[in-house]
């Protein structure tokens, strides 16, 4: 029987700074090694992003 895997990762795109000085938040879905990156239409200031927890430090700031 083949082993199946699934994971979801949230990340920011630092290279795409928006006019409001925030960066877009994206989601990566991986199923059995196949990846798809999706923009979730949210943005966040770079200094409020927590890489280890894959989320924003302040819930009310990100739009």
Protein backbone atom coordinates (compact mmCIF):
# COMPACT_ATOMS: atom_id res chain seq x y z
CA UNK A 1 0.00 0.00 0.00
CA UNK A 2 1.40 3.40 -1.00
CA UNK A 3 1.98 6.00 1.67
CA UNK A 4 0.06 9.26 1.20
CA UNK A 5 1.01 12.67 2.52
CA UNK A 6 -0.75 16.02 2.85
CA UNK A 7 0.49 19.34 4.25
CA UNK A 8 -0.56 23.00 4.34
CA UNK A 9 1.97 25.82 4.78
CA UNK A 10 1.34 29.56 5.09
CA UNK A 11 4.11 31.95 4.02
CA UNK A 12 4.72 35.54 2.93
CA UNK A 13 6.24 36.72 -0.34
CA UNK A 14 8.91 39.20 0.79
CA UNK A 15 9.83 40.04 -2.80
CA UNK A 16 6.39 41.51 -3.56
CA UNK A 17 6.08 44.57 -1.33
CA UNK A 18 2.64 46.19 -1.75
CA UNK A 19 1.93 49.94 -1.81
CA UNK A 20 0.74 49.86 1.81
CA UNK A 21 4.19 48.49 2.87
CA UNK A 22 2.79 45.00 3.51
CA UNK A 23 3.53 41.66 1.84
CA UNK A 24 1.00 39.14 0.48
CA UNK A 25 0.27 35.98 2.48
CA UNK A 26 0.14 32.74 0.46
CA UNK A 27 -0.71 29.11 1.13
CA UNK A 28 1.14 26.06 -0.18
CA UNK A 29 -0.73 22.75 -0.36
CA UNK A 30 1.34 19.60 -0.88
CA UNK A 31 -0.26 16.24 -1.67
CA UNK A 32 2.03 13.26 -2.30
CA UNK A 33 4.91 15.58 -3.26
CA UNK A 34 2.92 17.76 -5.70
CA UNK A 35 2.90 21.43 -4.64
CA UNK A 36 0.47 24.24 -5.44
CA UNK A 37 0.91 27.85 -4.26
CA UNK A 38 -2.28 29.88 -3.76
CA UNK A 39 -2.72 33.54 -2.89
CA UNK A 40 -5.27 33.89 -0.09
CA UNK A 41 -5.88 37.62 -0.78
CA UNK A 42 -4.47 38.72 2.59
CA UNK A 43 -1.48 40.91 3.45
CA UNK A 44 0.61 41.48 6.56
CA UNK A 45 3.49 43.73 7.67
CA UNK A 46 6.80 41.84 7.42
CA UNK A 47 7.79 42.54 11.02
CA UNK A 48 4.56 40.93 12.35
CA UNK A 49 4.98 37.58 10.56
CA UNK A 50 6.04 34.61 12.70
CA UNK A 51 7.86 32.11 10.45
CA UNK A 52 8.05 29.36 13.06
CA UNK A 53 4.27 29.31 13.65
CA UNK A 54 3.35 30.25 10.05
CA UNK A 55 0.99 33.02 11.17
CA UNK A 56 0.78 36.67 12.12
CA UNK A 57 1.76 37.85 15.60
CA UNK A 58 -1.15 40.34 15.62
CA UNK A 59 -4.51 38.98 14.46
CA UNK A 60 -6.21 42.34 13.92
CA UNK A 61 -3.49 43.98 11.77
CA UNK A 62 -3.44 41.63 8.78
CA UNK A 63 -6.06 42.32 6.14
